[in-house]
Amino acid sequence: MRIDLIAAGVKPPAWVREAFAEYQKRIGGGFHLELVEVAPAKRTKSGNVAACQAEEWERIQRHIAGDAEVVALEVGGHSWSTAILSRKLQDWRDRVGRVQMIIGGPDGLDPACLAAARVHWSLSALTFPHMLVRVMVAEQLYRAISMLHKHPYHRG
């Protein structure tokens, strides 16, 4: 199954690239993780947050596949355990075969993006840097996929 992580933001720090690549390499068992970066909107001190979100959504939207399950990562989404994520991955694999997870820029996701996503996932009520979220999602996907394959990585 293909998992696309569509993220607003380019040129992540080296440690983000390296950590993401490490989990991307470890994911196996019929799952393939791809990162799709879209340019963030240019922000100014007097910038319009809604306009920035809309501009990023326009760029993200170009990568959305009609046959994929779309998941918006946002603080107001559902909080899942790793076991629940594992079951969701199994369901998506069996039902649609492709998942696209969206990470917004510093201002979050546009309301139109949230409306377009059938699933909303919250990693935590805490606020994380959007570049760090890439690594956290990749790690959780690796852990959840490991559970599906009865790998001892997940110790519950």
Protein backbone atom coordinates (compact mmCIF):
# COMPACT_ATOMS: atom_id res chain seq x y z
CA MET A 1 0.00 0.00 0.00
CA ARG A 2 1.20 3.46 -0.81
CA ILE A 3 1.21 6.11 1.91
CA ASP A 4 1.86 9.67 0.79
CA LEU A 5 2.80 12.22 3.41
CA ILE A 6 1.97 15.56 1.80
CA ALA A 7 3.58 18.34 3.79
CA ALA A 8 3.72 22.10 3.47
CA GLY A 9 7.33 23.09 3.80
CA VAL A 10 10.55 22.51 1.94
CA LYS A 11 14.19 22.36 2.96
CA PRO A 12 13.83 20.58 6.29
CA PRO A 13 16.88 20.48 8.55
CA ALA A 14 19.27 17.59 7.96
CA TRP A 15 18.17 15.77 11.13
CA VAL A 16 14.54 15.76 9.89
CA ARG A 17 15.55 14.43 6.47
CA GLU A 18 17.75 11.75 8.03
CA ALA A 19 15.19 10.61 10.62
CA PHE A 20 12.36 10.51 8.07
CA ALA A 21 14.53 8.58 5.61
CA GLU A 22 15.45 6.05 8.29
CA TYR A 23 11.81 5.21 9.07
CA GLN A 24 10.90 5.34 5.38
CA LYS A 25 13.59 2.72 4.72
CA ARG A 26 12.41 0.50 7.58
CA ILE A 27 8.77 0.41 6.48
CA GLY A 28 8.12 -2.74 4.51
CA GLY A 29 5.64 -5.55 4.37
CA GLY A 30 3.82 -4.23 1.32
CA PHE A 31 3.74 -0.62 2.55
CA HIS A 32 5.62 2.22 0.87
CA LEU A 33 5.95 5.72 2.37
CA GLU A 34 6.56 8.73 0.12
CA LEU A 35 7.09 12.35 1.14
CA VAL A 36 5.58 15.03 -1.08
CA GLU A 37 6.73 18.53 -0.17
CA VAL A 38 4.84 21.61 -1.27
CA ALA A 39 6.15 25.13 -1.02
CA PRO A 40 4.74 27.04 1.94
CA ALA A 41 3.05 30.38 1.47
CA LYS A 42 5.29 33.37 2.00
CA ARG A 43 4.50 34.83 5.39
CA THR A 44 4.92 38.42 6.46
CA LYS A 45 4.42 40.10 9.82
CA SER A 46 1.15 41.60 8.63
CA GLY A 47 0.21 38.53 6.59
CA ASN A 48 -3.23 37.07 6.27
CA VAL A 49 -3.30 33.60 7.87
CA ALA A 50 -6.38 32.52 5.91
CA ALA A 51 -4.74 33.52 2.63
CA CYS A 52 -1.60 31.55 3.51
CA GLN A 53 -3.65 28.47 4.39
CA ALA A 54 -5.64 28.77 1.15
CA GLU A 55 -2.47 29.11 -0.93
CA GLU A 56 -0.96 26.00 0.68
CA TRP A 57 -4.19 24.04 0.20
CA GLU A 58 -4.17 24.96 -3.48
CA ARG A 59 -0.66 23.48 -3.77
CA ILE A 60 -1.51 20.40 -1.68
CA GLN A 61 -4.68 19.76 -3.66
CA ARG A 62 -2.64 19.19 -6.84
CA HIS A 63 -1.26 16.02 -5.28
CA ILE A 64 -4.53 14.53 -3.98
CA ALA A 65 -5.49 11.33 -5.77
CA GLY A 66 -9.16 10.62 -6.32
CA ASP A 67 -8.82 7.03 -5.17
CA ALA A 68 -6.98 7.69 -1.90
CA GLU A 69 -8.14 7.94 1.68
CA VAL A 70 -7.26 11.50 2.72
CA VAL A 71 -6.18 12.07 6.33
CA ALA A 72 -5.70 15.59 7.72
CA LEU A 73 -3.29 15.85 10.63
CA GLU A 74 -4.75 18.46 12.94
CA VAL A 75 -5.09 19.12 16.64
CA GLY A 76 -8.89 18.77 16.51
CA GLY A 77 -8.74 15.30 15.01
CA HIS A 78 -9.14 11.90 16.61
CA SER A 79 -6.44 10.71 18.96
CA TRP A 80 -5.45 7.12 18.18
CA SER A 81 -3.35 4.56 19.94
CA THR A 82 -0.74 2.79 17.86
CA ALA A 83 -2.97 -0.30 17.85
CA ILE A 84 -5.85 1.71 16.39
CA LEU A 85 -3.55 3.19 13.73
CA SER A 86 -2.44 -0.32 12.87
CA ARG A 87 -6.06 -1.43 12.38
CA LYS A 88 -6.79 1.66 10.28
CA LEU A 89 -3.80 0.93 8.05
CA GLN A 90 -5.03 -2.62 7.57
CA ASP A 91 -8.52 -1.34 6.68
CA TRP A 92 -7.17 1.25 4.24
CA ARG A 93 -4.90 -1.32 2.63
CA ASP A 94 -7.80 -3.72 2.17
CA ARG A 95 -10.35 -1.10 1.11
CA VAL A 96 -8.55 1.59 -0.92
CA GLY A 97 -4.86 0.72 -1.24
CA ARG A 98 -3.62 4.29 -0.90
CA VAL A 99 -3.59 6.83 1.92
CA GLN A 100 -2.58 10.47 1.71
CA MET A 101 -1.79 12.21 4.99
CA ILE A 102 -1.61 15.99 4.99
CA ILE A 103 0.54 18.15 7.25
CA GLY A 104 -0.09 21.88 7.05
CA GLY A 105 2.33 24.71 7.46
CA PRO A 106 2.90 26.82 10.57
CA ASP A 107 -0.69 28.11 10.53
CA GLY A 108 -2.34 24.73 10.12
CA LEU A 109 -4.67 23.51 7.40
CA ASP A 110 -7.19 25.49 5.41
CA PRO A 111 -10.86 24.85 6.32
CA ALA A 112 -11.43 23.59 2.76
CA CYS A 113 -8.69 20.99 3.29
CA LEU A 114 -10.27 19.89 6.55
CA ALA A 115 -13.62 19.57 4.79
CA ALA A 116 -12.07 17.52 1.97
CA ALA A 117 -10.39 15.05 4.31
CA ARG A 118 -12.60 12.16 5.39
CA VAL A 119 -10.37 11.41 8.36
CA HIS A 120 -8.85 13.81 10.90
CA TRP A 121 -5.97 12.58 13.06
CA SER A 122 -4.44 14.36 16.03
CA LEU A 123 -1.02 13.25 17.24
CA SER A 124 -1.55 15.15 20.48
CA ALA A 125 -3.20 18.16 22.04
CA LEU A 126 0.31 19.59 22.22
CA THR A 127 1.65 21.81 19.46
CA PHE A 128 4.62 20.44 17.52
CA PRO A 129 6.82 22.03 14.86
CA HIS A 130 5.40 20.93 11.51
CA MET A 131 8.79 19.57 10.38
CA LEU A 132 9.00 17.37 13.50
CA VAL A 133 5.52 16.00 12.73
CA ARG A 134 6.95 14.35 9.59
CA VAL A 135 9.30 12.28 11.71
CA MET A 136 6.64 11.49 14.31
CA VAL A 137 4.20 10.28 11.66
CA ALA A 138 6.85 8.17 9.92
CA GLU A 139 7.82 6.58 13.24
CA GLN A 140 4.22 5.83 14.16
CA LEU A 141 3.55 4.35 10.73
CA TYR A 142 6.61 2.14 11.13
CA ARG A 143 5.46 1.06 14.59
CA ALA A 144 1.87 0.39 13.46
CA ILE A 145 3.00 -1.57 10.40
CA SER A 146 5.37 -3.55 12.62
CA MET A 147 2.37 -4.49 14.76
CA LEU A 148 0.51 -5.71 11.67
CA HIS A 149 3.40 -8.06 10.93
CA LYS A 150 3.79 -9.24 14.54
CA HIS A 151 7.25 -7.69 14.69
CA PRO A 152 8.60 -7.33 18.26
CA TYR A 153 9.27 -3.58 17.77
CA HIS A 154 5.95 -2.74 19.40
CA ARG A 155 5.90 -3.78 23.03
CA GLY A 156 2.51 -2.30 23.93
